[in-house]
Amino acid sequence: MKNIFNNSLLIIFIFIFLSSSIIPTYASEEFLPLQSEVPQVSEGTPVIEEAQLEETPVTEETPADPSVIEEEPTTVEESATEETSVDGELIQDEPVIEEEPVTEEEPDGTSKEKAILIDINEGFDGTITDAGYTWYITELDTNQTYSLHKVGGNYLSFYPDNSTEYEYRSDYSSNTSFDFTPINIGTYYLKIEGSSGASWSLKSAEAGITKQTAIPIDLSNGFEGTITETRYTWYKTELDANQTYNWYK
């Protein structure tokens, strides 16, 4: 009985001992403020209150109108070629290829299509091509007789437009003169024939070189003259019928 009492006292003692050592520790941790957190205010020191921070008002978002749906912008990809739609099917157009401008060839006289433009009234100098001939193009009038003097080359032929046959051909001579009155009016082609690379010229005939340019004279008074470069000279005069004329040359 005594032992049981002594054991009960021992248990109570141990319980009291443990309670006195554990409980103050929890109390100090849970309820007692730390000495560093509590500022010591001495007498006469003004107390500075902490500034209160104003809370920023929260702006309420306006609820979106469910009936209005903002569409995202549609991005259209660039395409190198255009596309067309036929019966709902997309057909890609072929790229347009720009044609290079056709450069017209300079007239060189090797054919009627490349005939060299001239003014027959002003005269000109030319060269016979490697083909042995040269084509020229000019405008002529039916109401005019053209007295011309050719130097160089052989035949000189006149072709009406759209004709393959010549209307007039000069003598086969490198130095000749002639009169030509066109039957047609408008465009004529001239073809000079001769040696390849040979030079030639055509100009209006001087006085006395052709019949059309014959020099007027009076045989009753006599006269003096000069032979032209064509080795002859044309003259014209008025004579009476039934009269004999005597002169000395």
Protein backbone atom coordinates (compact mmCIF):
# COMPACT_ATOMS: atom_id res chain seq x y z
CA MET A 1 0.00 0.00 0.00
CA LYS A 2 2.83 2.31 0.80
CA ASN A 3 4.55 1.49 -2.42
CA ILE A 4 1.45 2.30 -4.38
CA PHE A 5 1.19 5.66 -2.73
CA ASN A 6 4.81 6.45 -3.32
CA ASN A 7 4.44 5.55 -7.01
CA SER A 8 1.38 7.79 -7.31
CA LEU A 9 3.26 10.69 -5.85
CA LEU A 10 6.12 10.08 -8.22
CA ILE A 11 3.80 10.12 -11.22
CA ILE A 12 2.12 13.33 -10.05
CA PHE A 13 5.50 14.93 -9.47
CA ILE A 14 6.70 13.99 -12.91
CA PHE A 15 3.51 15.35 -14.49
CA ILE A 16 3.79 18.65 -12.60
CA PHE A 17 7.45 18.95 -13.60
CA LEU A 18 6.78 18.36 -17.20
CA SER A 19 3.82 20.72 -17.22
CA SER A 20 5.86 23.54 -15.71
CA SER A 21 8.66 23.13 -18.30
CA ILE A 22 6.58 22.66 -21.49
CA ILE A 23 3.57 25.00 -21.11
CA PRO A 24 5.55 28.28 -20.59
CA THR A 25 7.55 27.51 -23.75
CA TYR A 26 4.40 27.22 -25.91
CA ALA A 27 2.94 30.31 -24.29
CA SER A 28 6.03 32.34 -25.02
CA GLU A 29 6.06 31.24 -28.68
CA GLU A 30 2.35 31.74 -29.36
CA PHE A 31 1.35 34.78 -27.36
CA LEU A 32 4.36 36.82 -26.30
CA PRO A 33 5.54 39.38 -28.84
CA LEU A 34 9.17 39.47 -29.78
CA GLN A 35 11.15 42.15 -28.07
CA SER A 36 12.53 43.41 -31.44
CA GLU A 37 9.02 43.85 -32.92
CA VAL A 38 7.73 46.14 -30.16
CA PRO A 39 9.39 49.53 -30.36
CA GLN A 40 10.38 51.08 -27.06
CA VAL A 41 8.90 54.54 -26.84
CA SER A 42 10.50 56.86 -24.31
CA GLU A 43 8.62 59.60 -22.65
CA GLY A 44 8.46 62.87 -24.61
CA THR A 45 9.21 61.20 -28.00
CA PRO A 46 6.48 61.91 -30.54
CA VAL A 47 4.85 58.88 -31.98
CA ILE A 48 4.91 58.73 -35.79
CA GLU A 49 1.95 56.95 -37.17
CA GLU A 50 2.48 54.77 -40.22
CA ALA A 51 1.08 56.21 -43.45
CA GLN A 52 -1.94 54.47 -44.65
CA LEU A 53 -1.66 53.31 -48.25
CA GLU A 54 -4.61 54.21 -50.39
CA GLU A 55 -5.95 51.28 -52.26
CA THR A 56 -6.15 51.73 -56.04
CA PRO A 57 -9.76 51.48 -57.12
CA VAL A 58 -10.42 48.45 -59.20
CA THR A 59 -11.86 49.35 -62.58
CA GLU A 60 -14.63 47.07 -63.47
CA GLU A 61 -14.46 45.73 -66.99
CA THR A 62 -17.47 46.39 -69.15
CA PRO A 63 -18.98 43.10 -70.07
CA ALA A 64 -18.71 42.43 -73.77
CA ASP A 65 -21.87 42.50 -75.79
CA PRO A 66 -22.43 38.86 -76.64
CA SER A 67 -24.17 39.88 -79.86
CA VAL A 68 -21.05 41.73 -81.13
CA ILE A 69 -18.15 39.48 -82.05
CA GLU A 70 -15.03 41.20 -83.19
CA GLU A 71 -13.64 39.49 -86.25
CA GLU A 72 -9.95 39.00 -86.59
CA PRO A 73 -8.38 40.67 -89.62
CA THR A 74 -7.95 38.33 -92.50
CA THR A 75 -4.43 38.14 -93.85
CA VAL A 76 -4.27 37.75 -97.61
CA GLU A 77 -1.12 36.14 -98.85
CA GLU A 78 0.43 37.74 -101.88
CA SER A 79 0.55 35.54 -104.93
CA ALA A 80 2.87 35.80 -107.86
CA THR A 81 0.08 34.91 -110.25
CA GLU A 82 -3.61 35.72 -110.33
CA GLU A 83 -6.19 33.03 -109.74
CA THR A 84 -9.61 32.83 -111.30
CA SER A 85 -12.52 30.64 -110.37
CA VAL A 86 -14.40 28.54 -112.92
CA ASP A 87 -17.31 26.45 -111.65
CA GLY A 88 -15.98 26.70 -108.12
CA GLU A 89 -12.52 25.47 -109.11
CA LEU A 90 -9.50 27.71 -108.78
CA ILE A 91 -7.46 27.97 -111.94
CA GLN A 92 -4.09 29.60 -111.68
CA ASP A 93 -3.46 32.04 -114.50
CA GLU A 94 -0.21 31.75 -116.34
CA PRO A 95 2.18 34.67 -115.76
CA VAL A 96 2.01 37.34 -118.44
CA ILE A 97 5.23 37.46 -120.43
CA GLU A 98 5.90 40.85 -121.96
CA GLU A 99 6.95 40.59 -125.56
CA GLU A 100 10.12 42.37 -126.50
CA PRO A 101 9.57 45.21 -128.96
CA VAL A 102 10.38 44.23 -132.52
CA THR A 103 13.30 46.25 -133.76
CA GLU A 104 12.80 47.27 -137.38
CA GLU A 105 15.79 46.64 -139.58
CA GLU A 106 17.43 49.60 -141.22
CA PRO A 107 16.74 49.77 -144.98
CA ASP A 108 19.83 48.56 -146.81
CA GLY A 109 18.47 48.24 -150.36
CA THR A 110 18.90 44.47 -150.58
CA SER A 111 15.18 44.01 -151.41
CA LYS A 112 12.05 46.01 -152.24
CA GLU A 113 10.95 45.60 -148.63
CA LYS A 114 14.21 47.23 -147.49
CA ALA A 115 14.29 49.89 -150.20
CA ILE A 116 16.11 53.13 -149.34
CA LEU A 117 13.96 56.27 -149.40
CA ILE A 118 15.18 59.07 -151.70
CA ASP A 119 13.97 62.34 -153.21
CA ILE A 120 14.64 62.07 -156.91
CA ASN A 121 14.41 65.85 -157.37
CA GLU A 122 17.33 66.52 -155.03
CA GLY A 123 19.72 63.90 -156.39
CA PHE A 124 21.81 61.52 -154.30
CA ASP A 125 24.90 59.30 -154.20
CA GLY A 126 24.64 55.56 -153.55
CA THR A 127 26.48 52.26 -153.45
CA ILE A 128 25.58 48.96 -155.09
CA THR A 129 25.19 46.14 -152.56
CA ASP A 130 26.99 42.80 -152.56
CA ALA A 131 23.97 41.32 -154.33
CA GLY A 132 24.87 43.31 -157.47
CA TYR A 133 21.92 45.69 -157.18
CA THR A 134 20.29 48.20 -154.83
CA TRP A 135 16.60 49.08 -154.37
CA TYR A 136 15.32 52.61 -153.76
CA ILE A 137 11.84 54.05 -153.20
CA THR A 138 10.51 57.51 -154.16
CA GLU A 139 7.35 59.44 -155.02
CA LEU A 140 6.69 60.59 -158.61
CA ASP A 141 4.05 62.73 -160.34
CA THR A 142 2.42 61.89 -163.67
CA ASN A 143 2.25 65.55 -164.65
CA GLN A 144 6.01 65.93 -164.60
CA THR A 145 8.82 64.76 -166.86
CA TYR A 146 11.97 63.86 -164.95
CA SER A 147 15.23 64.63 -166.77
CA LEU A 148 17.95 62.61 -165.03
CA HIS A 149 21.64 62.02 -165.38
CA LYS A 150 23.10 58.75 -164.10
CA VAL A 151 26.79 58.19 -163.44
CA GLY A 152 27.99 54.70 -162.48
CA GLY A 153 26.20 51.39 -162.52
CA ASN A 154 24.57 49.76 -165.49
CA TYR A 155 20.79 49.49 -165.90
CA LEU A 156 18.51 51.77 -163.89
CA SER A 157 14.92 50.50 -163.88
CA PHE A 158 11.68 52.13 -162.67
CA TYR A 159 8.96 49.88 -161.16
CA PRO A 160 5.46 51.11 -160.28
CA ASP A 161 4.22 50.11 -156.83
CA ASN A 162 2.88 46.53 -156.66
CA SER A 163 4.38 45.67 -160.04
CA THR A 164 7.06 43.15 -160.93
CA GLU A 165 7.70 44.62 -164.40
CA TYR A 166 9.68 47.78 -164.93
CA GLU A 167 8.04 50.74 -166.69
CA TYR A 168 11.29 52.25 -167.93
CA ARG A 169 14.92 51.10 -168.17
CA SER A 170 17.92 53.28 -168.99
CA ASP A 171 20.72 52.44 -171.42
CA TYR A 172 23.38 49.96 -170.37
CA SER A 173 25.94 52.65 -169.71
CA SER A 174 27.81 54.04 -166.74
CA ASN A 175 27.24 57.59 -167.97
CA THR A 176 23.84 58.27 -169.43
CA SER A 177 20.95 60.69 -169.26
CA PHE A 178 17.26 60.27 -170.03
CA ASP A 179 13.79 61.74 -169.67
CA PHE A 180 11.12 59.80 -167.83
CA THR A 181 7.41 60.67 -167.57
CA PRO A 182 5.60 58.30 -165.14
CA ILE A 183 2.37 56.65 -166.28
CA ASN A 184 1.24 56.17 -162.69
CA ILE A 185 1.28 58.62 -159.83
CA GLY A 186 2.68 57.84 -156.41
CA THR A 187 5.24 55.31 -155.26
CA TYR A 188 7.94 54.00 -157.58
CA TYR A 189 10.82 51.62 -156.93
CA LEU A 190 14.19 52.18 -158.57
CA LYS A 191 16.65 49.32 -159.10
CA ILE A 192 20.25 50.07 -160.02
CA GLU A 193 22.38 47.18 -161.25
CA GLY A 194 26.14 47.00 -161.43
CA SER A 195 29.29 45.72 -159.80
CA SER A 196 29.21 44.94 -156.08
CA GLY A 197 30.38 47.90 -153.99
CA ALA A 198 30.45 50.29 -156.96
CA SER A 199 29.43 53.92 -156.39
CA TRP A 200 26.86 55.67 -158.51
CA SER A 201 24.87 58.90 -158.55
CA LEU A 202 21.62 60.25 -159.93
CA LYS A 203 20.79 63.91 -160.36
CA SER A 204 18.66 66.24 -162.41
CA ALA A 205 19.98 66.64 -165.91
CA GLU A 206 21.70 69.87 -166.81
CA ALA A 207 20.77 71.91 -169.87
CA GLY A 208 21.48 70.11 -173.13
CA ILE A 209 21.96 66.65 -171.59
CA THR A 210 18.53 65.32 -172.52
CA LYS A 211 15.98 66.10 -175.19
CA GLN A 212 13.75 67.60 -172.54
CA THR A 213 16.54 69.97 -171.50
CA ALA A 214 17.66 70.92 -175.01
CA ILE A 215 19.22 74.38 -175.35
CA PRO A 216 17.23 76.78 -177.62
CA ILE A 217 19.26 78.38 -180.47
CA ASP A 218 18.72 80.52 -183.63
CA LEU A 219 20.50 78.97 -186.59
CA SER A 220 20.22 82.13 -188.69
CA ASN A 221 22.56 83.97 -186.34
CA GLY A 222 24.96 81.17 -185.58
CA PHE A 223 26.16 80.17 -182.09
CA GLU A 224 28.93 78.53 -180.10
CA GLY A 225 28.37 75.61 -177.77
CA THR A 226 30.03 73.00 -175.52
CA ILE A 227 29.70 69.23 -175.45
CA THR A 228 28.33 67.96 -172.13
CA GLU A 229 29.87 65.21 -170.02
CA THR A 230 27.60 62.69 -171.69
CA ARG A 231 29.58 63.39 -174.89
CA TYR A 232 26.61 64.98 -176.61
CA THR A 233 24.47 68.09 -176.24
CA TRP A 234 20.87 68.68 -177.23
CA TYR A 235 19.67 71.90 -178.91
CA LYS A 236 16.35 73.07 -180.28
CA THR A 237 15.40 75.76 -182.81
CA GLU A 238 12.58 76.98 -185.07
CA LEU A 239 12.80 76.31 -188.82
CA ASP A 240 10.64 77.37 -191.74
CA ALA A 241 9.39 74.98 -194.35
CA ASN A 242 10.60 75.26 -197.93
CA GLN A 243 13.74 77.16 -196.84
CA THR A 244 17.30 76.00 -197.27
CA TYR A 245 19.75 76.62 -194.43
CA ASN A 246 23.48 76.68 -195.02
CA TRP A 247 25.96 76.71 -192.11
CA TYR A 248 29.48 75.71 -191.30
CA LYS A 249 30.35 73.65 -188.24
